[in-house]
Amino acid sequence: MASRISRRSLLAAAAASAAAQEPLERFPRKIRVVLVGLDAHIGEILNPLRRLPDVELVAVSDPKPEALEAFGRRRGMESVRRYRDHARMLEAERPDVAGVCTPNGERAAAILECLRRKCHVVAEKPLALTIADLRRIREALRAAGVRLTMMLPMRFSSPYLAIKEVCDRGEIGEVCQIAAQKSYKVGRRPAWMRKRESYGGTIPWIGIHMIDLMRWTSGREFERAFSWTAHIGFPEIGDMENVTGTLFRLDNRGIAVLRMDYLRPETAPTHGDDRLRLAGTKGIVEYQAATGVTVVSASSKPRKVEPLPPSRSLFVDFLASVYLGRRHALPLEDIFRVNEITIAAQRAAEKGRVVSCSSIF
């Protein structure tokens, strides 16, 4: 029988394992959390709760009755209040923090609603599908005086933390070329992902992860983008592109390439195959699951990086920045910048031309 391991289940298992090994995190007061929508990666918020005694999930909302019923059957979630309408939930519950996990096309409006209520926001990615909505969120965030983060958990994952350390030490010199891959099983996709208006594209949905990692680990800025996308075979996935390729021009005239597909066979042992390779003037560092993080440089023999730095929780890191004054490892400037670049890459595919990634802020 083909493996039915999903990326979501793998991430949940990894997060649960990490949470079991990490100490309790205490806050100066009780923090009331709600979920706006039950799509995508709600585990980023649910899994760390076991080590957060001062954080309580009080309510969830979703327009789909079956989603609410399924959530109510989760172990430990029986007492969490359930709503069909997120505006009613926000008004009734007055939460401190809202996790926004709606379909992509609905996310900007939901974030704006939470900001109007002066909730801190942990949003699924991307924040928005258009620059206009991205501007609205930025302006609303400034007016609300609250904090926002976005679900880019790969930045907190051991292999990519290790790559960042190698680059920061200068071990591979100036990064000149970056190559990244995401390859997934197509599996069974929810209805909203099969429609263009609610999905928005494969580049904004999964490409944003690797765009953030390429920029963050290398320290390079992205100036221009050109993309191709295609949907070949698999009529059951509707409007989803299952093949994409994006070429970026870096600020030092270097090149970054991102290739993605939903073509990984069901016989593969894992749902996804993520890879990242950075080549610099002094060496190369790369990661793939089969080989781990490896480095070859002018100053040392080829080696595998071990031990890796421990993975962390984005949600816990964000709460600690809000309530304990710590520095969040995902700065707001990086969040808006990676959204800008991702929108540019998607626009390049739609327009069939090179698009500038220049900042609008």
Protein backbone atom coordinates (compact mmCIF):
# COMPACT_ATOMS: atom_id res chain seq x y z
CA MET A 1 0.00 0.00 0.00
CA ALA A 2 1.31 3.49 -0.85
CA SER A 3 2.47 5.64 2.02
CA ARG A 4 -0.09 8.21 3.18
CA ILE A 5 2.37 10.22 5.24
CA SER A 6 1.59 13.92 4.79
CA ARG A 7 3.76 16.97 5.27
CA ARG A 8 1.24 18.19 7.82
CA SER A 9 1.47 14.96 9.83
CA LEU A 10 5.27 15.03 9.67
CA LEU A 11 5.39 18.63 10.88
CA ALA A 12 2.88 17.85 13.63
CA ALA A 13 4.90 14.85 14.80
CA ALA A 14 8.13 16.87 14.77
CA ALA A 15 6.50 19.72 16.67
CA ALA A 16 5.00 17.36 19.22
CA SER A 17 8.36 15.67 19.75
CA ALA A 18 10.10 19.03 20.15
CA ALA A 19 7.41 20.25 22.54
CA ALA A 20 7.82 17.17 24.69
CA GLN A 21 11.52 17.93 25.09
CA GLU A 22 11.23 21.67 25.67
CA PRO A 23 10.51 23.25 29.06
CA LEU A 24 7.30 25.00 29.95
CA GLU A 25 7.13 28.63 28.83
CA ARG A 26 5.47 30.94 31.34
CA PHE A 27 3.92 34.35 30.70
CA PRO A 28 2.95 37.12 33.12
CA ARG A 29 -0.77 36.64 32.47
CA LYS A 30 -3.28 34.40 30.76
CA ILE A 31 -3.33 34.68 26.96
CA ARG A 32 -6.60 33.94 25.17
CA VAL A 33 -6.22 32.59 21.63
CA VAL A 34 -8.74 31.93 18.85
CA LEU A 35 -8.47 30.33 15.43
CA VAL A 36 -10.06 32.11 12.46
CA GLY A 37 -10.42 29.27 9.98
CA LEU A 38 -9.35 25.64 10.28
CA ASP A 39 -7.52 25.23 6.99
CA ALA A 40 -3.84 24.53 6.49
CA HIS A 41 -1.29 24.52 9.33
CA ILE A 42 -3.29 25.01 12.54
CA GLY A 43 -0.84 22.63 14.21
CA GLU A 44 1.65 25.50 14.38
CA ILE A 45 -0.60 26.89 17.12
CA LEU A 46 -2.14 23.73 18.57
CA ASN A 47 0.99 21.62 19.05
CA PRO A 48 2.93 23.99 21.37
CA LEU A 49 -0.08 24.49 23.69
CA ARG A 50 0.94 21.51 25.81
CA ARG A 51 3.91 23.45 27.16
CA LEU A 52 2.15 26.81 27.47
CA PRO A 53 0.12 26.66 30.70
CA ASP A 54 -0.73 30.37 30.49
CA VAL A 55 -2.10 30.12 26.93
CA GLU A 56 -5.66 28.95 26.29
CA LEU A 57 -7.38 28.25 22.98
CA VAL A 58 -10.88 29.54 23.77
CA ALA A 59 -12.68 29.37 20.42
CA VAL A 60 -12.44 28.51 16.72
CA SER A 61 -14.45 29.61 13.71
CA ASP A 62 -15.03 28.10 10.29
CA PRO A 63 -17.95 28.38 7.87
CA LYS A 64 -17.88 24.62 7.22
CA PRO A 65 -19.94 22.66 9.79
CA GLU A 66 -18.01 19.47 9.08
CA ALA A 67 -14.72 21.20 9.89
CA LEU A 68 -16.07 22.41 13.22
CA GLU A 69 -17.44 18.97 14.06
CA ALA A 70 -14.12 17.32 13.25
CA PHE A 71 -12.26 19.86 15.38
CA GLY A 72 -14.60 19.20 18.31
CA ARG A 73 -13.65 15.52 18.20
CA ARG A 74 -9.95 16.29 18.71
CA ARG A 75 -8.58 15.14 22.00
CA GLY A 76 -8.49 18.00 24.49
CA MET A 77 -10.51 20.35 22.26
CA GLU A 78 -13.98 19.33 23.37
CA SER A 79 -14.54 22.48 25.46
CA VAL A 80 -13.29 24.94 22.81
CA ARG A 81 -16.23 27.05 21.63
CA ARG A 82 -17.10 26.84 17.94
CA TYR A 83 -18.51 29.52 15.63
CA ARG A 84 -19.55 29.61 11.97
CA ASP A 85 -18.80 33.36 11.70
CA HIS A 86 -15.42 34.76 12.71
CA ALA A 87 -16.71 38.32 13.26
CA ARG A 88 -19.20 37.01 15.82
CA MET A 89 -16.48 35.00 17.50
CA LEU A 90 -14.10 37.97 17.72
CA GLU A 91 -16.85 40.16 19.16
CA ALA A 92 -17.94 37.58 21.73
CA GLU A 93 -14.52 36.29 22.81
CA ARG A 94 -12.32 39.43 22.67
CA PRO A 95 -9.13 37.35 22.26
CA ASP A 96 -5.56 38.49 22.80
CA VAL A 97 -4.20 36.54 19.81
CA ALA A 98 -5.88 35.30 16.63
CA GLY A 99 -4.50 32.56 14.41
CA VAL A 100 -5.74 33.20 10.87
CA CYS A 101 -5.91 29.98 8.85
CA THR A 102 -8.45 30.75 6.14
CA PRO A 103 -8.17 29.93 2.42
CA ASN A 104 -5.62 32.17 0.70
CA GLY A 105 -8.16 34.37 -1.06
CA GLU A 106 -9.98 35.18 2.20
CA ARG A 107 -6.93 35.76 4.39
CA ALA A 108 -6.31 39.48 3.89
CA ALA A 109 -9.90 40.37 4.87
CA ALA A 110 -9.74 38.12 7.94
CA ILE A 111 -6.42 39.64 9.05
CA LEU A 112 -7.85 43.14 8.65
CA GLU A 113 -10.86 42.17 10.77
CA CYS A 114 -8.58 40.92 13.54
CA LEU A 115 -6.46 44.07 13.39
CA ARG A 116 -9.58 46.23 13.67
CA ARG A 117 -10.31 44.33 16.89
CA LYS A 118 -6.72 45.01 18.04
CA CYS A 119 -5.76 41.32 18.24
CA HIS A 120 -2.21 40.15 17.78
CA VAL A 121 -2.16 37.98 14.65
CA VAL A 122 -0.44 34.72 13.70
CA ALA A 123 -1.35 34.36 10.03
CA GLU A 124 -1.03 31.53 7.55
CA LYS A 125 0.98 32.45 4.47
CA PRO A 126 0.80 34.41 2.25
CA LEU A 127 -0.67 37.43 4.03
CA ALA A 128 -2.28 38.60 0.78
CA LEU A 129 -2.46 37.81 -2.91
CA THR A 130 -2.17 41.43 -4.10
CA ILE A 131 0.06 44.39 -3.31
CA ALA A 132 -3.04 46.49 -2.60
CA ASP A 133 -4.16 44.11 0.16
CA LEU A 134 -0.62 43.91 1.49
CA ARG A 135 -0.57 47.71 1.82
CA ARG A 136 -3.92 47.65 3.64
CA ILE A 137 -2.60 45.14 6.15
CA ARG A 138 0.55 47.18 6.74
CA GLU A 139 -1.45 50.36 7.34
CA ALA A 140 -3.99 48.61 9.58
CA LEU A 141 -1.21 47.04 11.63
CA ARG A 142 0.39 50.42 12.26
CA ALA A 143 -2.95 51.90 13.28
CA ALA A 144 -3.86 49.01 15.59
CA GLY A 145 -0.61 49.05 17.55
CA VAL A 146 -0.51 45.24 17.81
CA ARG A 147 1.92 42.60 16.53
CA LEU A 148 1.80 40.20 13.59
CA THR A 149 3.73 37.16 12.44
CA MET A 150 3.30 34.68 9.61
CA MET A 151 3.58 30.90 9.49
CA LEU A 152 7.04 30.34 8.03
CA PRO A 153 8.07 27.50 10.36
CA MET A 154 10.88 26.27 8.10
CA ARG A 155 12.97 29.24 9.28
CA PHE A 156 12.82 27.68 12.78
CA SER A 157 13.76 24.17 11.58
CA SER A 158 17.13 22.55 12.39
CA PRO A 159 18.57 22.11 8.87
CA TYR A 160 17.93 25.70 7.83
CA LEU A 161 19.17 27.11 11.12
CA ALA A 162 22.38 25.17 10.44
CA ILE A 163 22.69 26.57 6.90
CA LYS A 164 22.18 30.08 8.27
CA GLU A 165 25.00 29.55 10.79
CA VAL A 166 27.38 28.31 8.06
CA CYS A 167 26.66 31.35 5.88
CA ASP A 168 26.88 33.81 8.78
CA ARG A 169 30.35 32.47 9.66
CA GLY A 170 31.49 33.32 6.15
CA GLU A 171 32.46 29.71 5.52
CA ILE A 172 31.21 29.70 1.92
CA GLY A 173 32.06 33.34 1.20
CA GLU A 174 29.75 35.61 -0.80
CA VAL A 175 26.69 33.70 -1.99
CA CYS A 176 26.46 33.87 -5.79
CA GLN A 177 23.96 31.13 -6.62
CA ILE A 178 21.00 29.60 -4.78
CA ALA A 179 18.93 26.58 -5.82
CA ALA A 180 15.79 25.50 -3.98
CA GLN A 181 13.24 22.75 -4.49
CA LYS A 182 9.83 21.78 -3.20
CA SER A 183 8.37 18.53 -4.51
CA TYR A 184 5.10 17.23 -3.02
CA LYS A 185 2.58 14.46 -3.47
CA VAL A 186 -0.59 15.94 -4.89
CA GLY A 187 -2.86 13.87 -2.61
CA ARG A 188 -6.44 14.99 -2.01
CA ARG A 189 -6.71 18.77 -2.09
CA PRO A 190 -9.51 20.79 -0.44
CA ALA A 191 -12.01 22.58 -2.67
CA TRP A 192 -10.53 26.03 -2.03
CA MET A 193 -7.13 24.95 -3.37
CA ARG A 194 -8.70 23.76 -6.62
CA LYS A 195 -10.10 27.22 -7.45
CA ARG A 196 -7.90 30.03 -8.67
CA GLU A 197 -9.68 32.82 -6.80
CA SER A 198 -9.33 31.14 -3.42
CA TYR A 199 -5.91 29.50 -4.01
CA GLY A 200 -3.98 32.26 -5.76
CA GLY A 201 -1.21 30.06 -7.13
CA THR A 202 1.38 27.50 -6.12
CA ILE A 203 4.14 30.12 -5.92
CA PRO A 204 2.39 32.10 -3.14
CA TRP A 205 1.17 28.96 -1.37
CA ILE A 206 4.41 26.96 -1.05
CA GLY A 207 7.03 29.02 -2.85
CA ILE A 208 6.96 31.69 -0.15
CA HIS A 209 8.67 29.25 2.25
CA MET A 210 11.71 28.79 0.05
CA ILE A 211 11.84 32.42 -1.06
CA ASP A 212 12.13 33.37 2.62
CA LEU A 213 14.78 30.72 3.29
CA MET A 214 16.87 31.67 0.25
CA ARG A 215 16.87 35.33 1.21
CA TRP A 216 17.36 34.79 4.96
CA THR A 217 20.15 32.21 4.83
CA SER A 218 22.14 33.94 2.10
CA GLY A 219 21.79 37.54 3.26
CA ARG A 220 21.17 38.52 -0.36
CA GLU A 221 18.34 40.70 -1.64
CA PHE A 222 16.09 39.77 -4.57
CA GLU A 223 15.82 42.37 -7.35
CA ARG A 224 13.96 40.81 -10.30
CA ALA A 225 11.94 37.67 -11.03
CA PHE A 226 10.73 35.64 -13.97
CA SER A 227 8.48 32.59 -13.63
CA TRP A 228 6.77 29.89 -15.61
CA THR A 229 3.93 27.78 -14.21
CA ALA A 230 1.95 24.90 -15.70
CA HIS A 231 -0.79 22.40 -14.92
CA ILE A 232 -0.08 19.07 -16.62
CA GLY A 233 -2.30 16.05 -16.05
CA PHE A 234 -4.19 15.53 -12.76
CA PRO A 235 -7.56 17.10 -13.74
CA GLU A 236 -8.83 16.42 -10.21
CA ILE A 237 -6.77 19.31 -8.81
CA GLY A 238 -8.69 21.93 -10.77
CA ASP A 239 -6.84 25.22 -11.26
CA MET A 240 -3.74 24.34 -9.24
CA GLU A 241 -0.40 24.62 -11.05
CA ASN A 242 1.62 21.45 -10.43
CA VAL A 243 4.86 22.60 -12.08
CA THR A 244 6.62 25.93 -11.50
CA GLY A 245 10.03 27.45 -12.13
CA THR A 246 11.23 30.90 -11.00
CA LEU A 247 14.51 32.66 -11.74
CA PHE A 248 15.62 35.55 -9.49
CA ARG A 249 18.36 38.14 -10.02
CA LEU A 250 20.20 38.87 -6.75
CA ASP A 251 21.55 42.22 -5.62
CA ASN A 252 25.17 41.16 -6.32
CA ARG A 253 24.24 39.96 -9.85
CA GLY A 254 24.01 36.38 -8.60
CA ILE A 255 21.17 34.02 -9.49
CA ALA A 256 18.57 32.10 -7.48
CA VAL A 257 16.38 29.33 -8.92
CA LEU A 258 13.25 27.88 -7.34
CA ARG A 259 11.63 24.77 -8.82
CA MET A 260 8.46 23.23 -7.44
CA ASP A 261 6.08 20.43 -8.35
CA TYR A 262 3.18 18.36 -7.13
CA LEU A 263 4.52 15.29 -8.96
CA ARG A 264 6.07 13.25 -6.14
CA PRO A 265 4.74 9.67 -6.52
CA GLU A 266 2.54 8.10 -3.86
CA THR A 267 5.17 5.38 -3.49
CA ALA A 268 7.66 7.90 -2.07
CA PRO A 269 8.32 7.42 1.68
CA THR A 270 7.49 11.03 2.60
CA HIS A 271 5.03 13.61 1.36
CA GLY A 272 7.66 16.20 0.45
CA ASP A 273 11.23 16.54 -0.75
CA ASP A 274 12.60 19.99 0.16
CA ARG A 275 16.14 20.97 -0.87
CA LEU A 276 18.27 24.08 -0.54
CA ARG A 277 21.75 24.71 -1.97
CA LEU A 278 23.86 27.86 -1.61
CA ALA A 279 27.07 28.28 -3.60
CA GLY A 280 29.52 31.00 -2.66
CA THR A 281 32.98 32.28 -3.50
CA LYS A 282 34.56 29.95 -0.91
CA GLY A 283 32.32 26.87 -0.92
CA ILE A 284 28.90 25.26 -0.98
CA VAL A 285 26.37 24.33 1.70
CA GLU A 286 23.29 22.29 0.93
CA TYR A 287 20.47 20.33 2.51
CA GLN A 288 18.31 17.45 1.42
CA ALA A 289 16.71 14.85 3.64
CA ALA A 290 18.71 11.99 2.16
CA THR A 291 22.10 13.50 3.03
CA GLY A 292 21.42 16.10 5.72
CA VAL A 293 23.28 19.43 5.79
CA THR A 294 26.65 19.16 4.05
CA VAL A 295 29.44 21.68 3.48
CA VAL A 296 32.42 21.74 1.17
CA SER A 297 34.69 24.78 1.36
CA ALA A 298 38.14 26.02 0.50
CA SER A 299 39.18 25.91 4.17
CA SER A 300 37.92 22.45 5.20
CA LYS A 301 37.25 18.95 3.96
CA PRO A 302 33.70 18.02 2.93
CA ARG A 303 31.63 17.28 6.02
CA LYS A 304 28.14 16.68 7.29
CA VAL A 305 26.99 19.27 9.83
CA GLU A 306 26.24 17.50 13.12
CA PRO A 307 24.75 18.04 15.58
CA LEU A 308 22.15 20.37 14.14
CA PRO A 309 20.79 23.26 16.20
CA PRO A 310 17.46 22.40 17.84
CA SER A 311 14.25 23.29 16.05
CA ARG A 312 12.03 25.87 17.70
CA SER A 313 8.36 26.88 17.64
CA LEU A 314 7.42 29.98 15.66
CA PHE A 315 4.30 30.45 17.80
CA VAL A 316 6.19 30.29 21.10
CA ASP A 317 8.89 32.58 19.72
CA PHE A 318 6.23 35.11 18.71
CA LEU A 319 4.42 35.03 22.06
CA ALA A 320 7.72 35.50 23.86
CA SER A 321 8.42 38.57 21.76
CA VAL A 322 4.99 40.05 22.53
CA TYR A 323 4.70 39.24 26.23
CA LEU A 324 8.30 38.80 27.39
CA GLY A 325 10.05 41.41 25.28
CA ARG A 326 12.31 38.97 23.42
CA ARG A 327 13.36 39.51 19.82
CA HIS A 328 11.18 37.59 17.35
CA ALA A 329 13.29 35.50 14.95
CA LEU A 330 10.98 36.46 12.06
CA PRO A 331 11.08 40.28 11.84
CA LEU A 332 8.07 42.15 10.48
CA GLU A 333 10.23 43.66 7.72
CA ASP A 334 11.09 40.18 6.46
CA ILE A 335 7.43 39.15 6.50
CA PHE A 336 6.32 42.01 4.28
CA ARG A 337 9.38 41.72 2.06
CA VAL A 338 8.91 38.02 1.32
CA ASN A 339 5.24 38.68 0.52
CA GLU A 340 6.30 41.40 -1.95
CA ILE A 341 8.82 39.13 -3.67
CA THR A 342 6.34 36.26 -3.85
CA ILE A 343 3.64 38.45 -5.39
CA ALA A 344 6.22 39.66 -7.93
CA ALA A 345 7.17 36.07 -8.83
CA GLN A 346 3.52 35.11 -9.32
CA ARG A 347 2.87 38.25 -11.37
CA ALA A 348 5.85 37.41 -13.59
CA ALA A 349 4.23 34.08 -14.47
CA GLU A 350 0.89 35.74 -15.21
CA LYS A 351 2.40 38.58 -17.29
CA GLY A 352 5.03 36.48 -19.06
CA ARG A 353 7.80 38.99 -18.39
CA VAL A 354 10.50 39.93 -15.90
CA VAL A 355 9.05 41.75 -12.87
CA SER A 356 10.83 44.00 -10.40
CA CYS A 357 10.91 42.86 -6.77
CA SER A 358 11.50 46.42 -5.52
CA SER A 359 10.02 47.24 -2.11
CA ILE A 360 6.86 49.34 -1.98
CA PHE A 361 7.34 50.22 1.71
